[in-house]
Amino acid sequence: MTTRAYWGVVLGVALLILVGGQLTHGQANLERELVVVTTGGAFEKALKENFYDAFSKATGVVVRPVSATVAEAWAKARAMYDAGSVEWDILSASPADLIARRDILLRLDCRAIPNAATLGIPGTCQEHGLLRTIGADMIAYNTQKFPTGRHPHTWAEFWDVQKFPGPRSMPTAGNAWEPLAAALLADGVPSDKLFPMDLDRAFRKMDQIKPHVRVWWRTGDQSQQIIRDGEVVLAMMWSGRAFSLKNAGVPVGVEWNQGIENIAYWAVLRAAPHPKAVYAFLNFFMTRPEAHRAFSREIVYDTSNRQALELMPEAERRTSVISEANLKGIVKFDWAWVAANQDRILQRWNAWLAR
């Protein structure tokens, strides 16, 4: 089949999906399986309950979830691609991944995902990814140790172990530039002057906090468990994970100020084994605002479905990264710089962590 003919088939399959998210069963010759990689745990469970199961019911395509850390996922994806034996279809990607990993990612035909244009916020469909979730890396604190109002409000205060004593936690989940950005902010670098990163300065600041970091968490579930167990009293956490704990009654507070933007996309591996099911799923994912709202209530990440955001009640908007009050404090990244430097950053980070 020629490339042109192939994409014609893909587009035809995608267009069979109605805007309301239903695909006439049996009309499209979809593959019977779709493999989707995320960090697992509660996040994967919420995706399954709100999107995977509904997609399978509408199409007959079985979604097979795979759990892996960010670093593990990209390492295996690269190995699969280099070996010419790709087993995965869709995985999570940061904006930097869409740039740095584009040689192994499928260039999306946004025409084959029409719901992204009709139901998504502006910019939902990118060349190599479909915008999925919007959140931030922020300060989470034990409210029994630090009552709200007397907690760290900045990364400089997070670093201040005299004023705010107790064991900390920070991520080593494959995105080292996030704790390094926090280190520079803690050292007084203005948020609009973070890039290009002064890595020597960032690592010197990390040296100061390292003895006080009891756990370097690798997955979202781990970050929640150590807070839940009281193993740490302060943590750099993904906003959705922190708010999920708070909503579950765990004594956790969330500080939005100087939160570091955390945007995730659905990315498709080049040579993915189930390309027609991929486009069907991406188009389906954009539908059903009630599913997006249910997902956001459970995981506390915003999604790219415009209708879900418009229907969100004020009480939910106060915990949303897109609310005006929270958005003002979010630190923006130069993702092109991160993409160009992420391999050397990770090498230096891993060596530093091992010392």
Protein backbone atom coordinates (compact mmCIF):
# COMPACT_ATOMS: atom_id res chain seq x y z
CA MET A 1 0.00 0.00 0.00
CA THR A 2 1.33 3.45 -0.85
CA THR A 3 1.77 6.08 1.84
CA ARG A 4 -1.01 8.14 0.31
CA ALA A 5 -3.38 5.18 0.22
CA TYR A 6 -2.48 4.23 3.78
CA TRP A 7 -3.33 7.66 5.15
CA GLY A 8 -6.51 7.63 3.14
CA VAL A 9 -7.56 4.49 4.99
CA VAL A 10 -6.60 6.00 8.32
CA LEU A 11 -8.54 9.18 7.64
CA GLY A 12 -11.56 7.22 6.53
CA VAL A 13 -11.49 5.17 9.71
CA ALA A 14 -11.22 8.22 11.92
CA LEU A 15 -14.05 10.03 10.18
CA LEU A 16 -16.36 7.12 10.91
CA ILE A 17 -16.24 8.19 14.54
CA LEU A 18 -19.08 10.56 15.29
CA VAL A 19 -18.44 13.75 17.22
CA GLY A 20 -20.42 12.24 20.07
CA GLY A 21 -17.82 9.54 20.35
CA GLN A 22 -19.64 6.53 18.93
CA LEU A 23 -18.20 4.36 16.18
CA THR A 24 -20.55 2.08 14.29
CA HIS A 25 -19.32 -1.31 15.35
CA GLY A 26 -17.92 -3.37 12.51
CA GLN A 27 -17.93 -0.58 9.93
CA ALA A 28 -14.21 0.07 10.25
CA ASN A 29 -11.59 -2.64 10.00
CA LEU A 30 -9.83 -1.64 13.22
CA GLU A 31 -7.15 -3.76 14.78
CA ARG A 32 -8.44 -5.69 17.77
CA GLU A 33 -5.90 -4.31 20.27
CA LEU A 34 -4.35 -1.03 21.32
CA VAL A 35 -1.35 -0.73 23.67
CA VAL A 36 -1.19 2.44 25.79
CA VAL A 37 1.71 3.22 28.13
CA THR A 38 1.39 5.48 31.20
CA THR A 39 2.95 5.68 34.66
CA GLY A 40 0.20 3.38 35.96
CA GLY A 41 -1.53 3.34 39.32
CA ALA A 42 -4.47 5.63 40.04
CA PHE A 43 -3.85 7.60 36.86
CA GLU A 44 -4.10 4.50 34.68
CA LYS A 45 -7.18 3.36 36.61
CA ALA A 46 -8.95 6.68 35.93
CA LEU A 47 -8.07 6.49 32.24
CA LYS A 48 -9.43 2.98 32.08
CA GLU A 49 -12.70 3.83 33.83
CA ASN A 50 -13.38 6.99 31.83
CA PHE A 51 -11.83 6.33 28.42
CA TYR A 52 -10.40 2.89 27.76
CA ASP A 53 -13.49 0.88 28.71
CA ALA A 54 -15.86 3.20 26.83
CA PHE A 55 -13.68 3.05 23.73
CA SER A 56 -13.57 -0.74 23.88
CA LYS A 57 -17.34 -0.89 24.26
CA ALA A 58 -17.85 1.41 21.26
CA THR A 59 -15.32 -0.26 18.98
CA GLY A 60 -14.53 -3.74 20.21
CA VAL A 61 -10.86 -2.77 20.43
CA VAL A 62 -9.24 -4.08 23.61
CA VAL A 63 -7.02 -1.46 25.25
CA ARG A 64 -4.01 -3.09 26.88
CA PRO A 65 -2.43 -0.74 29.44
CA VAL A 66 1.29 -0.90 30.21
CA SER A 67 2.83 0.78 33.26
CA ALA A 68 6.35 2.22 33.19
CA THR A 69 8.24 5.17 34.60
CA VAL A 70 8.95 8.02 32.20
CA ALA A 71 12.60 7.03 31.82
CA GLU A 72 11.79 3.34 31.40
CA ALA A 73 9.11 4.04 28.80
CA TRP A 74 11.36 6.11 26.55
CA ALA A 75 14.33 3.77 26.91
CA LYS A 76 12.22 0.79 25.89
CA ALA A 77 10.47 2.71 23.12
CA ARG A 78 13.86 3.63 21.65
CA ALA A 79 15.09 0.05 21.92
CA MET A 80 11.93 -1.27 20.22
CA TYR A 81 12.24 1.21 17.38
CA ASP A 82 15.95 0.59 16.84
CA ALA A 83 15.32 -3.18 16.80
CA GLY A 84 12.49 -2.77 14.28
CA SER A 85 10.05 -4.48 16.64
CA VAL A 86 7.64 -1.89 18.05
CA GLU A 87 5.06 -3.41 20.41
CA TRP A 88 3.53 -0.23 21.85
CA ASP A 89 1.17 2.25 20.23
CA ILE A 90 0.60 5.29 22.44
CA LEU A 91 2.60 6.67 25.33
CA SER A 92 2.80 9.80 27.45
CA ALA A 93 5.05 12.62 26.28
CA SER A 94 6.15 15.99 27.57
CA PRO A 95 6.51 18.97 25.21
CA ALA A 96 10.28 18.32 25.20
CA ASP A 97 9.71 14.68 24.22
CA LEU A 98 7.71 15.76 21.20
CA ILE A 99 10.79 17.61 20.00
CA ALA A 100 13.64 15.39 21.17
CA ARG A 101 11.99 12.04 20.36
CA ARG A 102 10.35 13.05 17.10
CA ASP A 103 12.55 10.66 15.10
CA ILE A 104 10.68 7.73 16.70
CA LEU A 105 7.26 9.40 16.85
CA LEU A 106 4.55 9.33 14.23
CA ARG A 107 3.78 12.67 12.61
CA LEU A 108 0.07 13.03 13.33
CA ASP A 109 -2.44 13.83 10.62
CA CYS A 110 -4.72 16.17 12.56
CA ARG A 111 -7.36 15.83 9.83
CA ALA A 112 -7.78 12.25 11.04
CA ILE A 113 -8.58 13.54 14.56
CA PRO A 114 -11.40 15.99 13.72
CA ASN A 115 -12.69 16.09 17.30
CA ALA A 116 -9.44 17.75 18.37
CA ALA A 117 -10.43 20.83 16.35
CA THR A 118 -14.12 20.84 17.20
CA LEU A 119 -13.92 19.87 20.89
CA GLY A 120 -10.38 20.68 21.98
CA ILE A 121 -8.80 23.83 23.33
CA PRO A 122 -6.60 25.73 20.84
CA GLY A 123 -3.44 23.84 19.95
CA THR A 124 -4.71 20.44 21.07
CA CYS A 125 -3.38 18.58 18.03
CA GLN A 126 0.34 19.11 17.51
CA GLU A 127 2.65 17.68 14.90
CA HIS A 128 3.74 14.79 17.11
CA GLY A 129 1.23 14.73 19.97
CA LEU A 130 -2.34 15.24 21.14
CA LEU A 131 -2.67 17.38 24.27
CA ARG A 132 -3.97 15.19 27.07
CA THR A 133 -3.52 16.71 30.53
CA ILE A 134 -2.52 20.06 32.03
CA GLY A 135 -1.10 20.41 35.54
CA ALA A 136 1.98 21.52 37.45
CA ASP A 137 4.78 20.30 39.69
CA MET A 138 4.21 22.06 42.99
CA ILE A 139 4.84 22.03 46.73
CA ALA A 140 2.74 19.60 48.76
CA TYR A 141 2.91 19.79 52.55
CA ASN A 142 1.62 17.93 55.58
CA THR A 143 -0.97 20.24 57.12
CA GLN A 144 -0.50 18.69 60.55
CA LYS A 145 3.15 19.68 60.47
CA PHE A 146 2.66 22.96 58.59
CA PRO A 147 -0.85 24.40 58.95
CA THR A 148 -2.07 26.20 55.85
CA GLY A 149 -0.71 29.75 55.89
CA ARG A 150 2.39 28.67 57.81
CA HIS A 151 3.70 26.38 55.10
CA PRO A 152 6.41 26.93 52.45
CA HIS A 153 5.12 29.27 49.74
CA THR A 154 8.23 29.26 47.55
CA TRP A 155 11.01 26.89 46.56
CA ALA A 156 13.42 29.00 48.64
CA GLU A 157 11.27 28.14 51.66
CA PHE A 158 11.13 24.48 50.58
CA TRP A 159 14.94 24.58 50.76
CA ASP A 160 14.87 26.27 54.19
CA VAL A 161 15.22 23.26 56.47
CA GLN A 162 15.66 25.43 59.57
CA LYS A 163 12.36 27.27 59.26
CA PHE A 164 10.54 24.26 57.79
CA PRO A 165 12.19 21.14 59.27
CA GLY A 166 11.41 17.59 58.23
CA PRO A 167 12.13 15.02 55.55
CA ARG A 168 11.47 15.98 51.94
CA SER A 169 10.71 14.14 48.73
CA MET A 170 11.54 15.09 45.15
CA PRO A 171 11.11 13.32 41.81
CA THR A 172 13.59 11.36 39.80
CA ALA A 173 10.99 10.21 37.32
CA GLY A 174 12.92 11.03 34.14
CA ASN A 175 12.28 14.79 34.08
CA ALA A 176 15.33 16.08 35.95
CA TRP A 177 14.87 19.62 34.61
CA GLU A 178 11.87 20.08 36.91
CA PRO A 179 13.73 19.72 40.26
CA LEU A 180 16.64 21.63 38.71
CA ALA A 181 14.27 24.48 37.84
CA ALA A 182 13.01 24.44 41.43
CA ALA A 183 16.62 24.63 42.62
CA LEU A 184 17.31 27.71 40.51
CA LEU A 185 14.12 29.35 41.71
CA ALA A 186 15.18 28.56 45.28
CA ASP A 187 18.53 30.21 44.54
CA GLY A 188 16.84 33.41 43.46
CA VAL A 189 16.72 33.07 39.69
CA PRO A 190 13.60 34.84 38.32
CA SER A 191 11.14 32.50 36.63
CA ASP A 192 11.56 34.30 33.29
CA LYS A 193 15.37 33.89 33.46
CA LEU A 194 15.57 30.14 34.01
CA PHE A 195 16.69 29.40 30.47
CA PRO A 196 19.22 28.60 29.32
CA MET A 197 19.69 26.78 32.60
CA ASP A 198 22.84 27.39 34.61
CA LEU A 199 23.33 23.73 35.44
CA ASP A 200 26.37 24.28 37.65
CA ARG A 201 24.37 26.67 39.80
CA ALA A 202 21.37 24.33 39.85
CA PHE A 203 23.40 21.33 40.99
CA ARG A 204 25.17 23.38 43.68
CA LYS A 205 21.73 24.25 45.04
CA MET A 206 20.63 20.62 44.80
CA ASP A 207 23.66 19.68 46.90
CA GLN A 208 22.12 21.71 49.74
CA ILE A 209 18.77 19.90 49.76
CA LYS A 210 20.02 16.40 48.94
CA PRO A 211 20.75 15.34 52.57
CA HIS A 212 17.18 16.24 53.50
CA VAL A 213 15.47 14.32 50.67
CA ARG A 214 14.44 11.02 52.19
CA VAL A 215 12.76 9.66 49.06
CA TRP A 216 13.45 10.31 45.39
CA TRP A 217 10.17 9.13 43.97
CA ARG A 218 9.93 7.45 40.58
CA THR A 219 6.17 7.09 40.08
CA GLY A 220 3.07 9.08 40.94
CA ASP A 221 1.79 6.28 43.16
CA GLN A 222 5.03 6.27 45.12
CA SER A 223 4.86 10.03 45.63
CA GLN A 224 1.39 9.62 47.12
CA GLN A 225 2.24 6.64 49.31
CA ILE A 226 5.13 8.34 51.12
CA ILE A 227 2.90 11.32 51.92
CA ARG A 228 0.05 9.06 52.99
CA ASP A 229 2.38 7.08 55.29
CA GLY A 230 3.90 10.24 56.78
CA GLU A 231 7.36 9.25 55.58
CA VAL A 232 7.91 12.83 54.36
CA VAL A 233 6.29 16.13 55.30
CA LEU A 234 7.18 18.17 52.21
CA ALA A 235 7.28 17.05 48.61
CA MET A 236 7.64 18.26 45.08
CA MET A 237 4.63 16.54 43.49
CA TRP A 238 2.52 16.45 40.37
CA SER A 239 -0.51 18.60 41.14
CA GLY A 240 -3.03 15.92 40.24
CA ARG A 241 -1.49 13.41 42.63
CA ALA A 242 -1.39 15.94 45.47
CA PHE A 243 -5.00 17.05 45.01
CA SER A 244 -6.13 13.42 44.79
CA LEU A 245 -4.67 12.85 48.26
CA LYS A 246 -6.27 16.04 49.57
CA ASN A 247 -9.65 15.05 48.16
CA ALA A 248 -9.31 11.64 49.79
CA GLY A 249 -8.98 13.24 53.22
CA VAL A 250 -5.20 12.93 53.61
CA PRO A 251 -3.85 15.96 55.57
CA VAL A 252 -2.14 17.53 52.56
CA GLY A 253 -2.03 21.13 51.43
CA VAL A 254 -1.11 22.38 47.99
CA GLU A 255 0.90 25.51 47.18
CA TRP A 256 0.40 26.73 43.60
CA ASN A 257 2.90 29.59 43.73
CA GLN A 258 5.96 28.80 41.59
CA GLY A 259 4.33 25.62 40.36
CA ILE A 260 6.23 24.34 37.33
CA GLU A 261 4.07 23.62 34.31
CA ASN A 262 3.50 19.95 33.63
CA ILE A 263 1.83 19.30 30.29
CA ALA A 264 1.40 15.81 28.88
CA TYR A 265 0.50 14.60 25.41
CA TRP A 266 -0.55 11.36 23.83
CA ALA A 267 2.29 10.49 21.44
CA VAL A 268 2.29 7.67 18.91
CA LEU A 269 5.33 5.58 18.14
CA ARG A 270 6.37 5.45 14.53
CA ALA A 271 5.65 1.92 13.25
CA ALA A 272 3.02 1.44 15.96
CA PRO A 273 1.40 -1.97 15.37
CA HIS A 274 -2.22 -0.73 15.52
CA PRO A 275 -2.35 2.57 13.58
CA LYS A 276 -6.05 2.55 12.75
CA ALA A 277 -7.01 1.86 16.36
CA VAL A 278 -4.64 4.67 17.40
CA TYR A 279 -6.48 7.29 15.37
CA ALA A 280 -9.85 5.95 16.44
CA PHE A 281 -8.84 6.19 20.10
CA LEU A 282 -7.36 9.68 19.85
CA ASN A 283 -10.52 10.95 18.19
CA PHE A 284 -12.70 9.17 20.73
CA PHE A 285 -10.64 10.54 23.62
CA MET A 286 -11.65 14.08 22.68
CA THR A 287 -15.38 13.37 23.08
CA ARG A 288 -17.77 13.10 26.04
CA PRO A 289 -17.08 16.11 28.29
CA GLU A 290 -18.76 14.31 31.18
CA ALA A 291 -16.01 11.67 31.04
CA HIS A 292 -13.34 14.38 31.08
CA ARG A 293 -14.99 16.03 34.07
CA ALA A 294 -15.17 12.70 35.91
CA PHE A 295 -11.52 12.05 35.12
CA SER A 296 -10.52 15.55 36.31
CA ARG A 297 -12.48 15.19 39.55
CA GLU A 298 -10.69 11.94 40.29
CA ILE A 299 -7.17 12.81 39.17
CA VAL A 300 -7.38 16.63 39.37
CA TYR A 301 -5.70 17.33 36.07
CA ASP A 302 -7.39 19.44 33.46
CA THR A 303 -7.74 17.93 30.03
CA SER A 304 -7.87 19.37 26.53
CA ASN A 305 -11.64 18.93 26.12
CA ARG A 306 -12.97 22.50 25.87
CA GLN A 307 -16.51 21.64 26.87
CA ALA A 308 -15.35 19.98 30.09
CA LEU A 309 -13.46 23.10 31.07
CA GLU A 310 -16.43 25.33 30.27
CA LEU A 311 -18.78 23.18 32.35
CA MET A 312 -16.48 23.00 35.39
CA PRO A 313 -18.17 24.54 38.46
CA GLU A 314 -16.41 27.33 40.34
CA ALA A 315 -15.48 25.08 43.27
CA GLU A 316 -13.51 22.81 40.93
CA ARG A 317 -11.94 25.73 39.09
CA ARG A 318 -10.29 26.87 42.31
CA THR A 319 -8.16 23.70 42.26
CA SER A 320 -7.56 23.95 38.53
CA VAL A 321 -4.30 25.01 36.94
CA ILE A 322 -6.31 27.05 34.42
CA SER A 323 -7.97 29.22 37.05
CA GLU A 324 -6.70 32.80 36.81
CA ALA A 325 -5.34 32.86 40.37
CA ASN A 326 -3.37 29.63 39.94
CA LEU A 327 -2.23 30.30 36.40
CA LYS A 328 -0.48 33.53 37.43
CA GLY A 329 2.06 31.64 39.52
CA ILE A 330 2.88 28.88 37.05
CA VAL A 331 6.48 28.79 35.79
CA LYS A 332 6.76 28.33 32.03
CA PHE A 333 9.50 26.24 30.41
CA ASP A 334 11.60 26.72 27.30
CA TRP A 335 10.83 23.28 25.96
CA ALA A 336 13.02 23.67 22.89
CA TRP A 337 16.02 24.21 25.17
CA VAL A 338 15.04 21.24 27.33
CA ALA A 339 14.67 19.03 24.26
CA ALA A 340 18.08 20.02 22.95
CA ASN A 341 19.76 19.34 26.30
CA GLN A 342 17.76 16.65 28.02
CA ASP A 343 20.12 13.74 27.36
CA ARG A 344 23.14 15.48 28.89
CA ILE A 345 20.99 16.75 31.76
CA LEU A 346 19.79 13.24 32.55
CA GLN A 347 23.32 11.83 32.36
CA ARG A 348 24.58 14.44 34.79
CA TRP A 349 21.52 14.03 37.02
CA ASN A 350 21.92 10.26 37.29
CA ALA A 351 25.62 10.60 38.08
CA TRP A 352 24.87 13.22 40.73
CA LEU A 353 22.11 11.13 42.28
CA ALA A 354 24.39 8.09 42.49
CA ARG A 355 27.08 9.96 44.45
